[in-house]
């Protein structure tokens, strides 16, 4: 079931981040449509990879994110959370 704005549901816990092979750190909101759609398909855990037509993303749980001090690059620059 889609969210009110038409996006797929986010099955990942709040605070989950994704890092692509180029080192880009992003949240589901700022990861783009392909990542949003894939994240809405199933539950992922630390170390899982989400492969989209444009990228390969490694999943980092909120616990690892907090421990490693990671943050979404767009959110950190003042993008909407």
PDB file of N, CA and C in Angstrom:
ATOM      1  N   UNK A   1       0.850  -1.181   0.000  1.00  0.00           N
ATOM      2  CA  UNK A   1       0.000   0.000   0.000  1.00  0.00           C
ATOM      3  C   UNK A   1       0.894   1.242   0.000  1.00  0.00           C
ATOM      4  N   UNK A   2       0.581   2.182  -0.821  1.00  0.00           N
ATOM      5  CA  UNK A   2       1.382   3.403  -0.950  1.00  0.00           C
ATOM      6  C   UNK A   2       1.058   4.388   0.172  1.00  0.00           C
ATOM      7  N   UNK A   3       1.995   5.295   0.411  1.00  0.00           N
ATOM      8  CA  UNK A   3       1.772   6.372   1.368  1.00  0.00           C
ATOM      9  C   UNK A   3       0.834   7.398   0.729  1.00  0.00           C
ATOM     10  N   UNK A   4       0.307   8.352   1.498  1.00  0.00           N
ATOM     11  CA  UNK A   4      -0.608   9.349   0.916  1.00  0.00           C
ATOM     12  C   UNK A   4      -0.031  10.120  -0.265  1.00  0.00           C
ATOM     13  N   UNK A   5       1.303  10.285  -0.297  1.00  0.00           N
ATOM     14  CA  UNK A   5       1.894  11.018  -1.427  1.00  0.00           C
ATOM     15  C   UNK A   5       2.279  10.096  -2.582  1.00  0.00           C
ATOM     16  N   UNK A   6       1.851   8.826  -2.512  1.00  0.00           N
ATOM     17  CA  UNK A   6       2.072   7.906  -3.618  1.00  0.00           C
ATOM     18  C   UNK A   6       3.342   7.085  -3.529  1.00  0.00           C
ATOM     19  N   UNK A   7       4.196   7.361  -2.527  1.00  0.00           N
ATOM     20  CA  UNK A   7       5.428   6.586  -2.377  1.00  0.00           C
ATOM     21  C   UNK A   7       5.112   5.221  -1.785  1.00  0.00           C
ATOM     22  N   UNK A   8       5.953   4.223  -2.067  1.00  0.00           N
ATOM     23  CA  UNK A   8       5.774   2.931  -1.409  1.00  0.00           C
ATOM     24  C   UNK A   8       5.994   3.082   0.094  1.00  0.00           C
ATOM     25  N   UNK A   9       5.428   2.187   0.899  1.00  0.00           N
ATOM     26  CA  UNK A   9       5.648   2.290   2.340  1.00  0.00           C
ATOM     27  C   UNK A   9       7.110   2.031   2.672  1.00  0.00           C
ATOM     28  N   UNK A  10       7.588   2.649   3.737  1.00  0.00           N
ATOM     29  CA  UNK A  10       8.962   2.433   4.173  1.00  0.00           C
ATOM     30  C   UNK A  10       8.946   1.335   5.225  1.00  0.00           C
ATOM     31  N   UNK A  11       9.394   0.164   4.868  1.00  0.00           N
ATOM     32  CA  UNK A  11       9.398  -0.966   5.786  1.00  0.00           C
ATOM     33  C   UNK A  11      10.623  -0.972   6.681  1.00  0.00           C
ATOM     34  N   UNK A  12      11.522  -0.044   6.462  1.00  0.00           N
ATOM     35  CA  UNK A  12      12.743   0.026   7.261  1.00  0.00           C
ATOM     36  C   UNK A  12      12.495   0.914   8.478  1.00  0.00           C
ATOM     37  N   UNK A  13      13.135   0.603   9.607  1.00  0.00           N
ATOM     38  CA  UNK A  13      12.951   1.449  10.790  1.00  0.00           C
ATOM     39  C   UNK A  13      13.418   2.877  10.519  1.00  0.00           C
ATOM     40  N   UNK A  14      12.781   3.824  11.184  1.00  0.00           N
ATOM     41  CA  UNK A  14      13.217   5.223  11.076  1.00  0.00           C
ATOM     42  C   UNK A  14      14.677   5.307  11.473  1.00  0.00           C
ATOM     43  N   UNK A  15      15.451   6.047  10.703  1.00  0.00           N
ATOM     44  CA  UNK A  15      16.871   6.194  10.987  1.00  0.00           C
ATOM     45  C   UNK A  15      17.759   5.265  10.182  1.00  0.00           C
ATOM     46  N   UNK A  16      17.165   4.356   9.401  1.00  0.00           N
ATOM     47  CA  UNK A  16      17.952   3.489   8.528  1.00  0.00           C
ATOM     48  C   UNK A  16      18.597   4.338   7.436  1.00  0.00           C
ATOM     49  N   UNK A  17      19.865   4.083   7.144  1.00  0.00           N
ATOM     50  CA  UNK A  17      20.546   4.790   6.062  1.00  0.00           C
ATOM     51  C   UNK A  17      21.107   3.799   5.062  1.00  0.00           C
ATOM     52  N   UNK A  18      21.461   4.308   3.900  1.00  0.00           N
ATOM     53  CA  UNK A  18      21.970   3.510   2.791  1.00  0.00           C
ATOM     54  C   UNK A  18      23.226   4.182   2.266  1.00  0.00           C
ATOM     55  N   UNK A  19      24.236   3.386   1.947  1.00  0.00           N
ATOM     56  CA  UNK A  19      25.476   3.927   1.383  1.00  0.00           C
ATOM     57  C   UNK A  19      25.738   3.211   0.066  1.00  0.00           C
ATOM     58  N   UNK A  20      25.935   4.015  -0.999  1.00  0.00           N
ATOM     59  CA  UNK A  20      26.196   3.393  -2.299  1.00  0.00           C
ATOM     60  C   UNK A  20      27.696   3.142  -2.474  1.00  0.00           C
ATOM     61  N   UNK A  21      28.054   2.528  -3.577  1.00  0.00           N
ATOM     62  CA  UNK A  21      29.450   2.161  -3.826  1.00  0.00           C
ATOM     63  C   UNK A  21      30.350   3.379  -3.959  1.00  0.00           C
ATOM     64  N   UNK A  22      29.787   4.536  -4.271  1.00  0.00           N
ATOM     65  CA  UNK A  22      30.560   5.769  -4.373  1.00  0.00           C
ATOM     66  C   UNK A  22      30.701   6.489  -3.042  1.00  0.00           C
ATOM     67  N   UNK A  23      30.079   5.956  -1.994  1.00  0.00           N
ATOM     68  CA  UNK A  23      30.191   6.545  -0.673  1.00  0.00           C
ATOM     69  C   UNK A  23      29.081   7.508  -0.295  1.00  0.00           C
ATOM     70  N   UNK A  24      28.083   7.675  -1.159  1.00  0.00           N
ATOM     71  CA  UNK A  24      26.972   8.580  -0.844  1.00  0.00           C
ATOM     72  C   UNK A  24      26.122   7.972   0.269  1.00  0.00           C
ATOM     73  N   UNK A  25      25.858   8.760   1.301  1.00  0.00           N
ATOM     74  CA  UNK A  25      25.034   8.328   2.434  1.00  0.00           C
ATOM     75  C   UNK A  25      23.680   9.007   2.301  1.00  0.00           C
ATOM     76  N   UNK A  26      22.601   8.214   2.341  1.00  0.00           N
ATOM     77  CA  UNK A  26      21.272   8.793   2.163  1.00  0.00           C
ATOM     78  C   UNK A  26      20.232   8.064   2.992  1.00  0.00           C
ATOM     79  N   UNK A  27      19.143   8.764   3.240  1.00  0.00           N
ATOM     80  CA  UNK A  27      17.978   8.157   3.876  1.00  0.00           C
ATOM     81  C   UNK A  27      17.016   7.725   2.763  1.00  0.00           C
ATOM     82  N   UNK A  28      15.949   7.060   3.137  1.00  0.00           N
ATOM     83  CA  UNK A  28      14.980   6.617   2.135  1.00  0.00           C
ATOM     84  C   UNK A  28      14.374   7.805   1.392  1.00  0.00           C
ATOM     85  N   UNK A  29      14.044   8.851   2.105  1.00  0.00           N
ATOM     86  CA  UNK A  29      13.407  10.030   1.506  1.00  0.00           C
ATOM     87  C   UNK A  29      14.264  10.636   0.408  1.00  0.00           C
ATOM     88  N   UNK A  30      15.572  10.719   0.634  1.00  0.00           N
ATOM     89  CA  UNK A  30      16.459  11.390  -0.322  1.00  0.00           C
ATOM     90  C   UNK A  30      17.182  10.435  -1.266  1.00  0.00           C
ATOM     91  N   UNK A  31      16.907   9.155  -1.170  1.00  0.00           N
ATOM     92  CA  UNK A  31      17.589   8.170  -2.008  1.00  0.00           C
ATOM     93  C   UNK A  31      17.042   8.044  -3.413  1.00  0.00           C
ATOM     94  N   UNK A  32      15.920   8.662  -3.680  1.00  0.00           N
ATOM     95  CA  UNK A  32      15.335   8.593  -5.010  1.00  0.00           C
ATOM     96  C   UNK A  32      14.271   7.507  -5.125  1.00  0.00           C
ATOM     97  N   UNK A  33      13.553   7.554  -6.208  1.00  0.00           N
ATOM     98  CA  UNK A  33      12.421   6.665  -6.428  1.00  0.00           C
ATOM     99  C   UNK A  33      12.753   5.190  -6.450  1.00  0.00           C
ATOM    100  N   UNK A  34      13.862   4.816  -7.082  1.00  0.00           N
ATOM    101  CA  UNK A  34      14.219   3.398  -7.137  1.00  0.00           C
ATOM    102  C   UNK A  34      14.511   2.848  -5.743  1.00  0.00           C
ATOM    103  N   UNK A  35      15.267   3.592  -4.942  1.00  0.00           N
ATOM    104  CA  UNK A  35      15.572   3.138  -3.589  1.00  0.00           C
ATOM    105  C   UNK A  35      14.304   3.106  -2.739  1.00  0.00           C
ATOM    106  N   UNK A  36      13.464   4.124  -2.869  1.00  0.00           N
ATOM    107  CA  UNK A  36      12.207   4.148  -2.118  1.00  0.00           C
ATOM    108  C   UNK A  36      11.344   2.939  -2.451  1.00  0.00           C
ATOM    109  N   UNK A  37      11.247   2.624  -3.733  1.00  0.00           N
ATOM    110  CA  UNK A  37      10.438   1.475  -4.148  1.00  0.00           C
ATOM    111  C   UNK A  37      11.014   0.169  -3.608  1.00  0.00           C
ATOM    112  N   UNK A  38      12.319   0.010  -3.699  1.00  0.00           N
ATOM    113  CA  UNK A  38      12.950  -1.222  -3.221  1.00  0.00           C
ATOM    114  C   UNK A  38      12.820  -1.357  -1.710  1.00  0.00           C
ATOM    115  N   UNK A  39      12.999  -0.256  -0.978  1.00  0.00           N
ATOM    116  CA  UNK A  39      12.892  -0.289   0.479  1.00  0.00           C
ATOM    117  C   UNK A  39      11.470  -0.606   0.921  1.00  0.00           C
ATOM    118  N   UNK A  40      10.498  -0.344   0.060  1.00  0.00           N
ATOM    119  CA  UNK A  40       9.110  -0.646   0.364  1.00  0.00           C
ATOM    120  C   UNK A  40       8.691  -2.055   0.023  1.00  0.00           C
ATOM    121  N   UNK A  41       9.582  -2.838  -0.573  1.00  0.00           N
ATOM    122  CA  UNK A  41       9.250  -4.193  -0.996  1.00  0.00           C
ATOM    123  C   UNK A  41       9.437  -5.241   0.093  1.00  0.00           C
ATOM    124  N   UNK A  42      10.469  -5.083   0.912  1.00  0.00           N
ATOM    125  CA  UNK A  42      10.753  -6.064   1.951  1.00  0.00           C
ATOM    126  C   UNK A  42      11.577  -5.426   3.053  1.00  0.00           C
ATOM    127  N   UNK A  43      11.713  -6.147   4.161  1.00  0.00           N
ATOM    128  CA  UNK A  43      12.498  -5.668   5.305  1.00  0.00           C
ATOM    129  C   UNK A  43      13.949  -6.051   5.084  1.00  0.00           C
ATOM    130  N   UNK A  44      14.860  -5.100   5.235  1.00  0.00           N
ATOM    131  CA  UNK A  44      16.287  -5.348   5.092  1.00  0.00           C
ATOM    132  C   UNK A  44      16.975  -5.180   6.438  1.00  0.00           C
ATOM    133  N   UNK A  45      18.126  -5.825   6.603  1.00  0.00           N
ATOM    134  CA  UNK A  45      18.909  -5.713   7.832  1.00  0.00           C
ATOM    135  C   UNK A  45      20.325  -5.265   7.495  1.00  0.00           C
ATOM    136  N   UNK A  46      21.111  -4.950   8.532  1.00  0.00           N
ATOM    137  CA  UNK A  46      22.487  -4.501   8.332  1.00  0.00           C
ATOM    138  C   UNK A  46      23.240  -5.381   7.345  1.00  0.00           C
ATOM    139  N   UNK A  47      23.925  -4.717   6.437  1.00  0.00           N
ATOM    140  CA  UNK A  47      24.769  -5.434   5.495  1.00  0.00           C
ATOM    141  C   UNK A  47      24.058  -5.917   4.250  1.00  0.00           C
ATOM    142  N   UNK A  48      22.726  -5.914   4.261  1.00  0.00           N
ATOM    143  CA  UNK A  48      21.994  -6.281   3.056  1.00  0.00           C
ATOM    144  C   UNK A  48      22.292  -5.263   1.961  1.00  0.00           C
ATOM    145  N   UNK A  49      22.158  -5.690   0.735  1.00  0.00           N
ATOM    146  CA  UNK A  49      22.334  -4.790  -0.400  1.00  0.00           C
ATOM    147  C   UNK A  49      21.021  -4.667  -1.148  1.00  0.00           C
ATOM    148  N   UNK A  50      20.690  -3.451  -1.512  1.00  0.00           N
ATOM    149  CA  UNK A  50      19.538  -3.179  -2.361  1.00  0.00           C
ATOM    150  C   UNK A  50      20.107  -2.746  -3.705  1.00  0.00           C
ATOM    151  N   UNK A  51      19.851  -3.531  -4.713  1.00  0.00           N
ATOM    152  CA  UNK A  51      20.331  -3.200  -6.048  1.00  0.00           C
ATOM    153  C   UNK A  51      19.186  -2.594  -6.844  1.00  0.00           C
ATOM    154  N   UNK A  52      19.414  -1.387  -7.344  1.00  0.00           N
ATOM    155  CA  UNK A  52      18.428  -0.695  -8.164  1.00  0.00           C
ATOM    156  C   UNK A  52      19.015  -0.544  -9.569  1.00  0.00           C
ATOM    157  N   UNK A  53      18.205  -0.106 -10.530  1.00  0.00           N
ATOM    158  CA  UNK A  53      18.746   0.092 -11.873  1.00  0.00           C
ATOM    159  C   UNK A  53      19.888   1.112 -11.936  1.00  0.00           C
ATOM    160  N   UNK A  54      19.985   1.986 -10.934  1.00  0.00           N
ATOM    161  CA  UNK A  54      21.012   3.020 -10.967  1.00  0.00           C
ATOM    162  C   UNK A  54      22.151   2.814  -9.984  1.00  0.00           C
ATOM    163  N   UNK A  55      21.963   1.970  -8.952  1.00  0.00           N
ATOM    164  CA  UNK A  55      22.981   1.878  -7.908  1.00  0.00           C
ATOM    165  C   UNK A  55      22.845   0.608  -7.089  1.00  0.00           C
ATOM    166  N   UNK A  56      23.854   0.367  -6.273  1.00  0.00           N
ATOM    167  CA  UNK A  56      23.847  -0.715  -5.294  1.00  0.00           C
ATOM    168  C   UNK A  56      24.023  -0.055  -3.936  1.00  0.00           C
ATOM    169  N   UNK A  57      23.072  -0.272  -3.032  1.00  0.00           N
ATOM    170  CA  UNK A  57      23.070   0.384  -1.733  1.00  0.00           C
ATOM    171  C   UNK A  57      23.254  -0.649  -0.629  1.00  0.00           C
ATOM    172  N   UNK A  58      24.121  -0.350   0.331  1.00  0.00           N
ATOM    173  CA  UNK A  58      24.251  -1.194   1.509  1.00  0.00           C
ATOM    174  C   UNK A  58      23.392  -0.583   2.612  1.00  0.00           C
ATOM    175  N   UNK A  59      22.692  -1.441   3.336  1.00  0.00           N
ATOM    176  CA  UNK A  59      21.758  -1.015   4.369  1.00  0.00           C
ATOM    177  C   UNK A  59      22.467  -0.917   5.722  1.00  0.00           C
ATOM    178  N   UNK A  60      22.214   0.182   6.446  1.00  0.00           N
ATOM    179  CA  UNK A  60      22.759   0.383   7.786  1.00  0.00           C
ATOM    180  C   UNK A  60      21.616   0.683   8.747  1.00  0.00           C
ATOM    181  N   UNK A  61      21.492  -0.132   9.797  1.00  0.00           N
ATOM    182  CA  UNK A  61      20.404   0.015  10.771  1.00  0.00           C
ATOM    183  C   UNK A  61      20.587   1.279  11.600  1.00  0.00           C
ATOM    184  N   UNK A  62      19.506   1.738  12.251  1.00  0.00           N
ATOM    185  CA  UNK A  62      19.621   2.916  13.114  1.00  0.00           C
ATOM    186  C   UNK A  62      20.677   2.753  14.205  1.00  0.00           C
ATOM    187  N   UNK A  63      20.860   1.539  14.703  1.00  0.00           N
ATOM    188  CA  UNK A  63      21.858   1.305  15.744  1.00  0.00           C
ATOM    189  C   UNK A  63      23.270   1.535  15.214  1.00  0.00           C
ATOM    190  N   UNK A  64      23.564   1.016  14.040  1.00  0.00           N
ATOM    191  CA  UNK A  64      24.885   1.212  13.429  1.00  0.00           C
ATOM    192  C   UNK A  64      25.075   2.667  13.035  1.00  0.00           C
ATOM    193  N   UNK A  65      24.025   3.289  12.530  1.00  0.00           N
ATOM    194  CA  UNK A  65      24.073   4.701  12.149  1.00  0.00           C
ATOM    195  C   UNK A  65      24.470   5.548  13.361  1.00  0.00           C
ATOM    196  N   UNK A  66      23.821   5.298  14.500  1.00  0.00           N
ATOM    197  CA  UNK A  66      24.122   6.064  15.717  1.00  0.00           C
ATOM    198  C   UNK A  66      25.535   5.771  16.215  1.00  0.00           C
ATOM    199  N   UNK A  67      25.908   4.501  16.206  1.00  0.00           N
ATOM    200  CA  UNK A  67      27.238   4.103  16.684  1.00  0.00           C
ATOM    201  C   UNK A  67      28.348   4.715  15.838  1.00  0.00           C
ATOM    202  N   UNK A  68      28.144   4.764  14.532  1.00  0.00           N
ATOM    203  CA  UNK A  68      29.171   5.271  13.616  1.00  0.00           C
ATOM    204  C   UNK A  68      29.034   6.763  13.325  1.00  0.00           C
ATOM    205  N   UNK A  69      27.992   7.399  13.844  1.00  0.00           N
ATOM    206  CA  UNK A  69      27.802   8.838  13.622  1.00  0.00           C
ATOM    207  C   UNK A  69      27.470   9.174  12.178  1.00  0.00           C
ATOM    208  N   UNK A  70      26.775   8.284  11.489  1.00  0.00           N
ATOM    209  CA  UNK A  70      26.411   8.524  10.090  1.00  0.00           C
ATOM    210  C   UNK A  70      25.184   9.419  10.019  1.00  0.00           C
ATOM    211  N   UNK A  71      25.053  10.166   8.927  1.00  0.00           N
ATOM    212  CA  UNK A  71      23.837  10.926   8.677  1.00  0.00           C
ATOM    213  C   UNK A  71      23.648  11.093   7.174  1.00  0.00           C
ATOM    214  N   UNK A  72      22.404  11.240   6.789  1.00  0.00           N
ATOM    215  CA  UNK A  72      22.069  11.478   5.386  1.00  0.00           C
ATOM    216  C   UNK A  72      22.722  12.785   4.956  1.00  0.00           C
ATOM    217  N   UNK A  73      23.415  12.765   3.842  1.00  0.00           N
ATOM    218  CA  UNK A  73      24.113  13.961   3.369  1.00  0.00           C
ATOM    219  C   UNK A  73      23.144  15.092   3.031  1.00  0.00           C
ATOM    220  N   UNK A  74      21.992  14.753   2.473  1.00  0.00           N
ATOM    221  CA  UNK A  74      21.016  15.787   2.108  1.00  0.00           C
ATOM    222  C   UNK A  74      20.393  16.382   3.369  1.00  0.00           C
ATOM    223  N   UNK A  75      20.034  15.528   4.323  1.00  0.00           N
ATOM    224  CA  UNK A  75      19.463  16.031   5.582  1.00  0.00           C
ATOM    225  C   UNK A  75      20.475  16.922   6.288  1.00  0.00           C
ATOM    226  N   UNK A  76      21.734  16.538   6.269  1.00  0.00           N
ATOM    227  CA  UNK A  76      22.785  17.296   6.951  1.00  0.00           C
ATOM    228  C   UNK A  76      22.980  18.683   6.338  1.00  0.00           C
ATOM    229  N   UNK A  77      22.679  18.801   5.035  1.00  0.00           N
ATOM    230  CA  UNK A  77      22.808  20.092   4.348  1.00  0.00           C
ATOM    231  C   UNK A  77      21.541  20.924   4.471  1.00  0.00           C
ATOM    232  N   UNK A  78      20.614  20.471   5.274  1.00  0.00           N
ATOM    233  CA  UNK A  78      19.376  21.237   5.481  1.00  0.00           C
ATOM    234  C   UNK A  78      18.214  20.785   4.640  1.00  0.00           C
ATOM    235  N   UNK A  79      18.351  19.603   3.987  1.00  0.00           N
ATOM    236  CA  UNK A  79      17.230  19.069   3.218  1.00  0.00           C
ATOM    237  C   UNK A  79      16.122  18.637   4.157  1.00  0.00           C
ATOM    238  N   UNK A  80      14.950  18.491   3.645  1.00  0.00           N
ATOM    239  CA  UNK A  80      13.809  18.082   4.457  1.00  0.00           C
ATOM    240  C   UNK A  80      14.003  16.659   4.936  1.00  0.00           C
ATOM    241  N   UNK A  81      13.633  16.384   6.150  1.00  0.00           N
ATOM    242  CA  UNK A  81      13.744  15.029   6.723  1.00  0.00           C
ATOM    243  C   UNK A  81      12.460  14.287   6.528  1.00  0.00           C
TER     244      UNK A  81
END
